[in-house]
All heavy atoms as atom14 arrays in JSON, in Angstrom:
{
  "sequence": "VKDTGIVLSANDVKASKKETGIYPNPTSGPITIKTANSGKYEVYSQ",
  "atom14_mask": [
    [1, 1, 1, 1, 1, 1, 1, 0, 0, 0, 0, 0, 0, 0],
    [1, 1, 1, 1, 1, 1, 1, 1, 1, 0, 0, 0, 0, 0],
    [1, 1, 1, 1, 1, 1, 1, 1, 0, 0, 0, 0, 0, 0],
    [1, 1, 1, 1, 1, 1, 1, 0, 0, 0, 0, 0, 0, 0],
    [1, 1, 1, 1, 0, 0, 0, 0, 0, 0, 0, 0, 0, 0],
    [1, 1, 1, 1, 1, 1, 1, 1, 0, 0, 0, 0, 0, 0],
    [1, 1, 1, 1, 1, 1, 1, 0, 0, 0, 0, 0, 0, 0],
    [1, 1, 1, 1, 1, 1, 1, 1, 0, 0, 0, 0, 0, 0],
    [1, 1, 1, 1, 1, 1, 0, 0, 0, 0, 0, 0, 0, 0],
    [1, 1, 1, 1, 1, 0, 0, 0, 0, 0, 0, 0, 0, 0],
    [1, 1, 1, 1, 1, 1, 1, 1, 0, 0, 0, 0, 0, 0],
    [1, 1, 1, 1, 1, 1, 1, 1, 0, 0, 0, 0, 0, 0],
    [1, 1, 1, 1, 1, 1, 1, 0, 0, 0, 0, 0, 0, 0],
    [1, 1, 1, 1, 1, 1, 1, 1, 1, 0, 0, 0, 0, 0],
    [1, 1, 1, 1, 1, 0, 0, 0, 0, 0, 0, 0, 0, 0],
    [1, 1, 1, 1, 1, 1, 0, 0, 0, 0, 0, 0, 0, 0],
    [1, 1, 1, 1, 1, 1, 1, 1, 1, 0, 0, 0, 0, 0],
    [1, 1, 1, 1, 1, 1, 1, 1, 1, 0, 0, 0, 0, 0],
    [1, 1, 1, 1, 1, 1, 1, 1, 1, 0, 0, 0, 0, 0],
    [1, 1, 1, 1, 1, 1, 1, 0, 0, 0, 0, 0, 0, 0],
    [1, 1, 1, 1, 0, 0, 0, 0, 0, 0, 0, 0, 0, 0],
    [1, 1, 1, 1, 1, 1, 1, 1, 0, 0, 0, 0, 0, 0],
    [1, 1, 1, 1, 1, 1, 1, 1, 1, 1, 1, 1, 0, 0],
    [1, 1, 1, 1, 1, 1, 1, 0, 0, 0, 0, 0, 0, 0],
    [1, 1, 1, 1, 1, 1, 1, 1, 0, 0, 0, 0, 0, 0],
    [1, 1, 1, 1, 1, 1, 1, 0, 0, 0, 0, 0, 0, 0],
    [1, 1, 1, 1, 1, 1, 1, 0, 0, 0, 0, 0, 0, 0],
    [1, 1, 1, 1, 1, 1, 0, 0, 0, 0, 0, 0, 0, 0],
    [1, 1, 1, 1, 0, 0, 0, 0, 0, 0, 0, 0, 0, 0],
    [1, 1, 1, 1, 1, 1, 1, 0, 0, 0, 0, 0, 0, 0],
    [1, 1, 1, 1, 1, 1, 1, 1, 0, 0, 0, 0, 0, 0],
    [1, 1, 1, 1, 1, 1, 1, 0, 0, 0, 0, 0, 0, 0],
    [1, 1, 1, 1, 1, 1, 1, 1, 0, 0, 0, 0, 0, 0],
    [1, 1, 1, 1, 1, 1, 1, 1, 1, 0, 0, 0, 0, 0],
    [1, 1, 1, 1, 1, 1, 1, 0, 0, 0, 0, 0, 0, 0],
    [1, 1, 1, 1, 1, 0, 0, 0, 0, 0, 0, 0, 0, 0],
    [1, 1, 1, 1, 1, 1, 1, 1, 0, 0, 0, 0, 0, 0],
    [1, 1, 1, 1, 1, 1, 0, 0, 0, 0, 0, 0, 0, 0],
    [1, 1, 1, 1, 0, 0, 0, 0, 0, 0, 0, 0, 0, 0],
    [1, 1, 1, 1, 1, 1, 1, 1, 1, 0, 0, 0, 0, 0],
    [1, 1, 1, 1, 1, 1, 1, 1, 1, 1, 1, 1, 0, 0],
    [1, 1, 1, 1, 1, 1, 1, 1, 1, 0, 0, 0, 0, 0],
    [1, 1, 1, 1, 1, 1, 1, 0, 0, 0, 0, 0, 0, 0],
    [1, 1, 1, 1, 1, 1, 1, 1, 1, 1, 1, 1, 0, 0],
    [1, 1, 1, 1, 1, 1, 0, 0, 0, 0, 0, 0, 0, 0],
    [1, 1, 1, 1, 1, 1, 1, 1, 1, 0, 0, 0, 0, 0]
  ],
  "atom14_positions": [
    [[284.13, 95.03, 73.86], [284.14, 96.15, 74.78], [284.01, 97.44, 73.99], [284.82, 97.72, 73.1], [285.42, 96.18, 75.64], [285.42, 97.4, 76.55], [285.53, 94.91, 76.47], [0.0, 0.0, 0.0], [0.0, 0.0, 0.0], [0.0, 0.0, 0.0], [0.0, 0.0, 0.0], [0.0, 0.0, 0.0], [0.0, 0.0, 0.0], [0.0, 0.0, 0.0]],
    [[283.0, 98.22, 74.32], [282.79, 99.52, 73.7], [283.53, 100.57, 74.5], [283.31, 100.71, 75.7], [281.3, 99.85, 73.66], [280.96, 101.24, 73.14], [279.46, 101.45, 73.2], [279.07, 102.84, 72.72], [277.6, 103.04, 72.77], [0.0, 0.0, 0.0], [0.0, 0.0, 0.0], [0.0, 0.0, 0.0], [0.0, 0.0, 0.0], [0.0, 0.0, 0.0]],
    [[284.43, 101.29, 73.84], [285.19, 102.35, 74.52], [284.58, 103.7, 74.14], [284.65, 104.11, 73.0], [286.66, 102.3, 74.12], [287.35, 101.09, 74.72], [287.13, 100.82, 75.9], [288.08, 100.41, 73.99], [0.0, 0.0, 0.0], [0.0, 0.0, 0.0], [0.0, 0.0, 0.0], [0.0, 0.0, 0.0], [0.0, 0.0, 0.0], [0.0, 0.0, 0.0]],
    [[283.98, 104.34, 75.12], [283.28, 105.59, 74.85], [284.14, 106.81, 75.09], [283.68, 107.93, 74.94], [282.03, 105.69, 75.73], [282.42, 105.64, 77.12], [281.07, 104.55, 75.45], [0.0, 0.0, 0.0], [0.0, 0.0, 0.0], [0.0, 0.0, 0.0], [0.0, 0.0, 0.0], [0.0, 0.0, 0.0], [0.0, 0.0, 0.0], [0.0, 0.0, 0.0]],
    [[285.4, 106.62, 75.43], [286.24, 107.78, 75.67], [287.71, 107.5, 75.43], [288.51, 107.49, 76.35], [0.0, 0.0, 0.0], [0.0, 0.0, 0.0], [0.0, 0.0, 0.0], [0.0, 0.0, 0.0], [0.0, 0.0, 0.0], [0.0, 0.0, 0.0], [0.0, 0.0, 0.0], [0.0, 0.0, 0.0], [0.0, 0.0, 0.0], [0.0, 0.0, 0.0]],
    [[288.07, 107.23, 74.18], [289.47, 106.98, 73.84], [290.06, 108.28, 73.31], [289.56, 108.85, 72.35], [289.59, 105.87, 72.8], [288.91, 104.59, 73.32], [291.03, 105.59, 72.46], [288.86, 103.49, 72.31], [0.0, 0.0, 0.0], [0.0, 0.0, 0.0], [0.0, 0.0, 0.0], [0.0, 0.0, 0.0], [0.0, 0.0, 0.0], [0.0, 0.0, 0.0]],
    [[291.12, 108.73, 73.94], [291.71, 110.01, 73.55], [293.18, 109.83, 73.24], [293.82, 108.87, 73.66], [291.54, 111.08, 74.66], [290.07, 111.27, 74.99], [292.29, 110.67, 75.92], [0.0, 0.0, 0.0], [0.0, 0.0, 0.0], [0.0, 0.0, 0.0], [0.0, 0.0, 0.0], [0.0, 0.0, 0.0], [0.0, 0.0, 0.0], [0.0, 0.0, 0.0]],
    [[293.71, 110.78, 72.52], [295.14, 110.76, 72.22], [295.95, 110.96, 73.49], [295.59, 111.75, 74.35], [295.48, 111.87, 71.23], [294.93, 111.7, 69.81], [295.22, 112.97, 69.03], [295.54, 110.5, 69.14], [0.0, 0.0, 0.0], [0.0, 0.0, 0.0], [0.0, 0.0, 0.0], [0.0, 0.0, 0.0], [0.0, 0.0, 0.0], [0.0, 0.0, 0.0]],
    [[297.05, 110.24, 73.6], [297.94, 110.43, 74.74], [298.69, 111.75, 74.59], [298.7, 112.37, 73.52], [298.95, 109.29, 74.82], [299.85, 109.37, 73.74], [0.0, 0.0, 0.0], [0.0, 0.0, 0.0], [0.0, 0.0, 0.0], [0.0, 0.0, 0.0], [0.0, 0.0, 0.0], [0.0, 0.0, 0.0], [0.0, 0.0, 0.0], [0.0, 0.0, 0.0]],
    [[299.33, 112.19, 75.67], [300.07, 113.46, 75.63], [301.15, 113.42, 74.56], [301.37, 114.39, 73.84], [300.68, 113.74, 77.0], [0.0, 0.0, 0.0], [0.0, 0.0, 0.0], [0.0, 0.0, 0.0], [0.0, 0.0, 0.0], [0.0, 0.0, 0.0], [0.0, 0.0, 0.0], [0.0, 0.0, 0.0], [0.0, 0.0, 0.0], [0.0, 0.0, 0.0]],
    [[301.83, 112.28, 74.43], [302.88, 112.17, 73.41], [302.3, 112.29, 72.02], [302.91, 112.87, 71.13], [303.6, 110.82, 73.56], [304.47, 110.78, 74.8], [304.85, 111.82, 75.33], [304.76, 109.58, 75.28], [0.0, 0.0, 0.0], [0.0, 0.0, 0.0], [0.0, 0.0, 0.0], [0.0, 0.0, 0.0], [0.0, 0.0, 0.0], [0.0, 0.0, 0.0]],
    [[301.09, 111.71, 71.81], [300.47, 111.78, 70.5], [300.05, 113.19, 70.15], [300.15, 113.62, 69.01], [299.25, 110.87, 70.45], [299.65, 109.41, 70.57], [300.7, 109.05, 70.05], [298.9, 108.64, 71.2], [0.0, 0.0, 0.0], [0.0, 0.0, 0.0], [0.0, 0.0, 0.0], [0.0, 0.0, 0.0], [0.0, 0.0, 0.0], [0.0, 0.0, 0.0]],
    [[299.57, 113.95, 71.14], [299.17, 115.33, 70.89], [300.38, 116.16, 70.46], [300.32, 116.93, 69.51], [298.52, 115.94, 72.14], [298.28, 117.43, 71.95], [297.2, 115.24, 72.45], [0.0, 0.0, 0.0], [0.0, 0.0, 0.0], [0.0, 0.0, 0.0], [0.0, 0.0, 0.0], [0.0, 0.0, 0.0], [0.0, 0.0, 0.0], [0.0, 0.0, 0.0]],
    [[301.51, 115.97, 71.14], [302.73, 116.69, 70.76], [303.16, 116.33, 69.35], [303.54, 117.19, 68.55], [303.85, 116.38, 71.75], [303.61, 116.93, 73.14], [304.72, 116.51, 74.1], [304.46, 117.01, 75.51], [305.51, 116.56, 76.46], [0.0, 0.0, 0.0], [0.0, 0.0, 0.0], [0.0, 0.0, 0.0], [0.0, 0.0, 0.0], [0.0, 0.0, 0.0]],
    [[303.07, 115.02, 69.03], [303.47, 114.58, 67.7], [302.53, 115.16, 66.65], [302.96, 115.54, 65.56], [303.47, 113.05, 67.63], [0.0, 0.0, 0.0], [0.0, 0.0, 0.0], [0.0, 0.0, 0.0], [0.0, 0.0, 0.0], [0.0, 0.0, 0.0], [0.0, 0.0, 0.0], [0.0, 0.0, 0.0], [0.0, 0.0, 0.0], [0.0, 0.0, 0.0]],
    [[301.24, 115.24, 67.0], [300.27, 115.77, 66.05], [300.56, 117.21, 65.71], [300.41, 117.64, 64.58], [298.86, 115.64, 66.63], [298.5, 114.3, 66.79], [0.0, 0.0, 0.0], [0.0, 0.0, 0.0], [0.0, 0.0, 0.0], [0.0, 0.0, 0.0], [0.0, 0.0, 0.0], [0.0, 0.0, 0.0], [0.0, 0.0, 0.0], [0.0, 0.0, 0.0]],
    [[301.0, 117.99, 66.69], [301.28, 119.4, 66.43], [302.45, 119.55, 65.46], [302.52, 120.51, 64.72], [301.58, 120.11, 67.75], [300.35, 120.24, 68.65], [300.66, 121.0, 69.92], [299.44, 121.17, 70.79], [299.7, 121.91, 72.03], [0.0, 0.0, 0.0], [0.0, 0.0, 0.0], [0.0, 0.0, 0.0], [0.0, 0.0, 0.0], [0.0, 0.0, 0.0]],
    [[303.35, 118.57, 65.48], [304.52, 118.66, 64.61], [304.22, 118.15, 63.21], [304.78, 118.62, 62.24], [305.67, 117.86, 65.21], [306.21, 118.41, 66.51], [307.34, 117.54, 67.04], [307.9, 118.08, 68.35], [308.98, 117.21, 68.89], [0.0, 0.0, 0.0], [0.0, 0.0, 0.0], [0.0, 0.0, 0.0], [0.0, 0.0, 0.0], [0.0, 0.0, 0.0]],
    [[303.31, 117.14, 63.1], [303.1, 116.49, 61.81], [301.63, 116.61, 61.39], [301.25, 117.6, 60.78], [303.54, 115.03, 61.91], [305.02, 114.89, 62.28], [305.4, 113.48, 62.63], [304.54, 112.59, 62.58], [306.57, 113.26, 62.96], [0.0, 0.0, 0.0], [0.0, 0.0, 0.0], [0.0, 0.0, 0.0], [0.0, 0.0, 0.0], [0.0, 0.0, 0.0]],
    [[300.83, 115.6, 61.67], [299.41, 115.65, 61.37], [298.61, 115.27, 62.6], [299.11, 114.59, 63.49], [299.06, 114.69, 60.22], [299.34, 113.35, 60.63], [299.85, 115.02, 58.97], [0.0, 0.0, 0.0], [0.0, 0.0, 0.0], [0.0, 0.0, 0.0], [0.0, 0.0, 0.0], [0.0, 0.0, 0.0], [0.0, 0.0, 0.0], [0.0, 0.0, 0.0]],
    [[297.35, 115.7, 62.64], [296.52, 115.32, 63.77], [295.49, 116.39, 64.1], [295.32, 117.37, 63.37], [0.0, 0.0, 0.0], [0.0, 0.0, 0.0], [0.0, 0.0, 0.0], [0.0, 0.0, 0.0], [0.0, 0.0, 0.0], [0.0, 0.0, 0.0], [0.0, 0.0, 0.0], [0.0, 0.0, 0.0], [0.0, 0.0, 0.0], [0.0, 0.0, 0.0]],
    [[294.8, 116.17, 65.21], [293.77, 117.09, 65.68], [294.02, 117.4, 67.15], [294.22, 116.48, 67.94], [292.36, 116.48, 65.5], [292.11, 116.16, 64.02], [291.29, 117.41, 66.02], [290.78, 115.48, 63.76], [0.0, 0.0, 0.0], [0.0, 0.0, 0.0], [0.0, 0.0, 0.0], [0.0, 0.0, 0.0], [0.0, 0.0, 0.0], [0.0, 0.0, 0.0]],
    [[294.0, 118.66, 67.51], [294.25, 119.07, 68.89], [293.58, 120.43, 69.12], [293.26, 121.12, 68.15], [295.76, 119.14, 69.17], [296.56, 119.99, 68.18], [296.75, 121.35, 68.41], [297.1, 119.43, 67.02], [297.46, 122.14, 67.52], [297.81, 120.21, 66.13], [297.99, 121.55, 66.38], [298.69, 122.32, 65.49], [0.0, 0.0, 0.0], [0.0, 0.0, 0.0]],
    [[293.3, 120.81, 70.39], [293.53, 120.05, 71.62], [292.49, 118.95, 71.78], [291.43, 118.99, 71.15], [293.35, 121.11, 72.71], [292.37, 122.07, 72.13], [292.69, 122.14, 70.66], [0.0, 0.0, 0.0], [0.0, 0.0, 0.0], [0.0, 0.0, 0.0], [0.0, 0.0, 0.0], [0.0, 0.0, 0.0], [0.0, 0.0, 0.0], [0.0, 0.0, 0.0]],
    [[292.78, 118.01, 72.62], [291.89, 116.9, 72.88], [292.06, 116.44, 74.33], [293.15, 115.96, 74.67], [292.2, 115.74, 71.93], [291.19, 114.61, 72.03], [290.1, 114.79, 72.57], [291.57, 113.44, 71.55], [0.0, 0.0, 0.0], [0.0, 0.0, 0.0], [0.0, 0.0, 0.0], [0.0, 0.0, 0.0], [0.0, 0.0, 0.0], [0.0, 0.0, 0.0]],
    [[291.06, 116.66, 75.19], [289.7, 117.14, 74.94], [289.66, 118.61, 74.52], [290.62, 119.34, 74.71], [288.99, 116.92, 76.28], [289.84, 115.97, 77.04], [291.23, 116.25, 76.6], [0.0, 0.0, 0.0], [0.0, 0.0, 0.0], [0.0, 0.0, 0.0], [0.0, 0.0, 0.0], [0.0, 0.0, 0.0], [0.0, 0.0, 0.0], [0.0, 0.0, 0.0]],
    [[288.5, 119.03, 74.01], [288.32, 120.41, 73.59], [286.96, 120.92, 74.05], [286.0, 120.16, 74.16], [288.42, 120.53, 72.06], [288.18, 121.89, 71.69], [287.39, 119.65, 71.37], [0.0, 0.0, 0.0], [0.0, 0.0, 0.0], [0.0, 0.0, 0.0], [0.0, 0.0, 0.0], [0.0, 0.0, 0.0], [0.0, 0.0, 0.0], [0.0, 0.0, 0.0]],
    [[286.9, 122.23, 74.32], [285.63, 122.86, 74.65], [284.91, 123.29, 73.37], [283.75, 123.73, 73.43], [285.85, 124.07, 75.54], [286.7, 125.02, 74.89], [0.0, 0.0, 0.0], [0.0, 0.0, 0.0], [0.0, 0.0, 0.0], [0.0, 0.0, 0.0], [0.0, 0.0, 0.0], [0.0, 0.0, 0.0], [0.0, 0.0, 0.0], [0.0, 0.0, 0.0]],
    [[285.58, 123.2, 72.24], [284.97, 123.58, 70.97], [286.0, 123.79, 69.86], [285.99, 123.09, 68.86], [0.0, 0.0, 0.0], [0.0, 0.0, 0.0], [0.0, 0.0, 0.0], [0.0, 0.0, 0.0], [0.0, 0.0, 0.0], [0.0, 0.0, 0.0], [0.0, 0.0, 0.0], [0.0, 0.0, 0.0], [0.0, 0.0, 0.0], [0.0, 0.0, 0.0]],
    [[286.92, 124.75, 70.02], [287.9, 125.02, 68.97], [288.9, 123.87, 68.81], [289.38, 123.31, 69.8], [288.61, 126.28, 69.47], [287.67, 126.89, 70.46], [286.97, 125.74, 71.11], [0.0, 0.0, 0.0], [0.0, 0.0, 0.0], [0.0, 0.0, 0.0], [0.0, 0.0, 0.0], [0.0, 0.0, 0.0], [0.0, 0.0, 0.0], [0.0, 0.0, 0.0]],
    [[289.18, 123.48, 67.58], [290.2, 122.47, 67.29], [291.05, 122.92, 66.12], [290.64, 123.78, 65.33], [289.58, 121.1, 66.96], [288.66, 121.2, 65.73], [288.85, 120.5, 68.15], [288.19, 119.85, 65.21], [0.0, 0.0, 0.0], [0.0, 0.0, 0.0], [0.0, 0.0, 0.0], [0.0, 0.0, 0.0], [0.0, 0.0, 0.0], [0.0, 0.0, 0.0]],
    [[292.24, 122.34, 66.05], [293.12, 122.54, 64.91], [293.32, 121.2, 64.22], [293.67, 120.21, 64.87], [294.48, 123.1, 65.34], [294.29, 124.39, 65.93], [295.42, 123.23, 64.14], [0.0, 0.0, 0.0], [0.0, 0.0, 0.0], [0.0, 0.0, 0.0], [0.0, 0.0, 0.0], [0.0, 0.0, 0.0], [0.0, 0.0, 0.0], [0.0, 0.0, 0.0]],
    [[293.07, 121.17, 62.92], [293.32, 119.98, 62.12], [294.56, 120.25, 61.29], [294.57, 121.16, 60.46], [292.13, 119.65, 61.2], [290.89, 119.38, 62.03], [292.46, 118.46, 60.31], [289.64, 119.16, 61.19], [0.0, 0.0, 0.0], [0.0, 0.0, 0.0], [0.0, 0.0, 0.0], [0.0, 0.0, 0.0], [0.0, 0.0, 0.0], [0.0, 0.0, 0.0]],
    [[295.59, 119.46, 61.55], [296.82, 119.63, 60.79], [296.98, 118.44, 59.86], [296.99, 117.29, 60.3], [298.03, 119.75, 61.71], [299.29, 120.25, 60.99], [300.37, 120.62, 61.98], [301.57, 121.23, 61.26], [302.65, 121.6, 62.21], [0.0, 0.0, 0.0], [0.0, 0.0, 0.0], [0.0, 0.0, 0.0], [0.0, 0.0, 0.0], [0.0, 0.0, 0.0]],
    [[297.08, 118.69, 58.57], [297.09, 117.61, 57.59], [298.12, 117.87, 56.5], [298.43, 119.03, 56.19], [295.7, 117.44, 56.95], [295.76, 116.44, 55.94], [295.2, 118.74, 56.34], [0.0, 0.0, 0.0], [0.0, 0.0, 0.0], [0.0, 0.0, 0.0], [0.0, 0.0, 0.0], [0.0, 0.0, 0.0], [0.0, 0.0, 0.0], [0.0, 0.0, 0.0]],
    [[298.65, 116.79, 55.96], [299.64, 116.9, 54.88], [298.97, 117.03, 53.52], [299.64, 117.33, 52.53], [300.56, 115.68, 54.9], [0.0, 0.0, 0.0], [0.0, 0.0, 0.0], [0.0, 0.0, 0.0], [0.0, 0.0, 0.0], [0.0, 0.0, 0.0], [0.0, 0.0, 0.0], [0.0, 0.0, 0.0], [0.0, 0.0, 0.0], [0.0, 0.0, 0.0]],
    [[297.66, 116.79, 53.47], [296.94, 116.86, 52.2], [295.59, 117.52, 52.4], [294.99, 117.44, 53.47], [296.73, 115.45, 51.62], [298.03, 114.73, 51.37], [298.77, 115.06, 50.46], [298.31, 113.73, 52.2], [0.0, 0.0, 0.0], [0.0, 0.0, 0.0], [0.0, 0.0, 0.0], [0.0, 0.0, 0.0], [0.0, 0.0, 0.0], [0.0, 0.0, 0.0]],
    [[295.08, 118.17, 51.37], [293.73, 118.72, 51.43], [292.72, 117.59, 51.42], [292.95, 116.54, 50.82], [293.49, 119.65, 50.24], [294.4, 120.73, 50.26], [0.0, 0.0, 0.0], [0.0, 0.0, 0.0], [0.0, 0.0, 0.0], [0.0, 0.0, 0.0], [0.0, 0.0, 0.0], [0.0, 0.0, 0.0], [0.0, 0.0, 0.0], [0.0, 0.0, 0.0]],
    [[291.59, 117.79, 52.09], [290.58, 116.75, 52.11], [289.44, 117.08, 53.05], [289.44, 118.1, 53.73], [0.0, 0.0, 0.0], [0.0, 0.0, 0.0], [0.0, 0.0, 0.0], [0.0, 0.0, 0.0], [0.0, 0.0, 0.0], [0.0, 0.0, 0.0], [0.0, 0.0, 0.0], [0.0, 0.0, 0.0], [0.0, 0.0, 0.0], [0.0, 0.0, 0.0]],
    [[288.48, 116.18, 53.08], [287.28, 116.36, 53.89], [287.39, 115.54, 55.17], [287.78, 114.37, 55.15], [286.06, 115.92, 53.09], [284.74, 116.09, 53.82], [283.57, 115.86, 52.89], [283.51, 114.45, 52.36], [282.31, 114.2, 51.54], [0.0, 0.0, 0.0], [0.0, 0.0, 0.0], [0.0, 0.0, 0.0], [0.0, 0.0, 0.0], [0.0, 0.0, 0.0]],
    [[287.05, 116.16, 56.3], [286.99, 115.48, 57.58], [285.53, 115.42, 58.03], [284.85, 116.46, 58.06], [287.83, 116.21, 58.63], [289.31, 115.98, 58.47], [290.03, 116.61, 57.46], [290.0, 115.12, 59.33], [291.39, 116.39, 57.3], [291.36, 114.9, 59.18], [292.05, 115.53, 58.18], [293.4, 115.31, 58.03], [0.0, 0.0, 0.0], [0.0, 0.0, 0.0]],
    [[285.06, 114.23, 58.35], [283.68, 114.04, 58.78], [283.65, 113.73, 60.26], [284.43, 112.91, 60.75], [283.01, 112.92, 57.98], [282.88, 113.26, 56.5], [282.24, 112.13, 55.72], [282.4, 110.96, 56.13], [281.58, 112.42, 54.71], [0.0, 0.0, 0.0], [0.0, 0.0, 0.0], [0.0, 0.0, 0.0], [0.0, 0.0, 0.0], [0.0, 0.0, 0.0]],
    [[282.73, 114.38, 60.99], [282.6, 114.2, 62.43], [281.33, 113.37, 62.69], [280.24, 113.75, 62.25], [282.51, 115.55, 63.16], [282.45, 115.33, 64.67], [283.71, 116.43, 62.79], [0.0, 0.0, 0.0], [0.0, 0.0, 0.0], [0.0, 0.0, 0.0], [0.0, 0.0, 0.0], [0.0, 0.0, 0.0], [0.0, 0.0, 0.0], [0.0, 0.0, 0.0]],
    [[281.5, 112.24, 63.41], [280.39, 111.35, 63.69], [280.12, 111.3, 65.2], [281.06, 111.29, 66.01], [280.68, 109.93, 63.21], [280.75, 109.8, 61.71], [281.94, 110.02, 61.02], [279.62, 109.45, 60.98], [282.0, 109.9, 59.65], [279.67, 109.32, 59.6], [280.86, 109.54, 58.93], [280.93, 109.42, 57.58], [0.0, 0.0, 0.0], [0.0, 0.0, 0.0]],
    [[278.85, 111.21, 65.56], [278.47, 111.02, 66.95], [278.68, 109.56, 67.33], [279.0, 108.72, 66.48], [277.0, 111.39, 67.15], [276.17, 110.47, 66.46], [0.0, 0.0, 0.0], [0.0, 0.0, 0.0], [0.0, 0.0, 0.0], [0.0, 0.0, 0.0], [0.0, 0.0, 0.0], [0.0, 0.0, 0.0], [0.0, 0.0, 0.0], [0.0, 0.0, 0.0]],
    [[278.48, 109.22, 68.62], [278.65, 107.84, 69.07], [277.64, 106.9, 68.44], [277.9, 105.71, 68.31], [278.54, 107.77, 70.6], [279.79, 108.26, 71.31], [279.67, 108.06, 72.81], [279.45, 108.99, 73.55], [279.8, 106.83, 73.26], [0.0, 0.0, 0.0], [0.0, 0.0, 0.0], [0.0, 0.0, 0.0], [0.0, 0.0, 0.0], [0.0, 0.0, 0.0]]
  ]
}
C-alpha cells in the first residue's frame, strides 16, 4: 500500500517543537526544522 499523505499527529508536532522535528505540517511554505545536530536535510518529491 502506497501512502501518499502520511503526516505527523498533533502529539508528534507538539513533541517536535520541544525536541527535534519539522513543523508546521501541513504547511503553505514556511517550516521550522529543529535539530540537535548540524546537518543537511534533503527534500524529495513523491
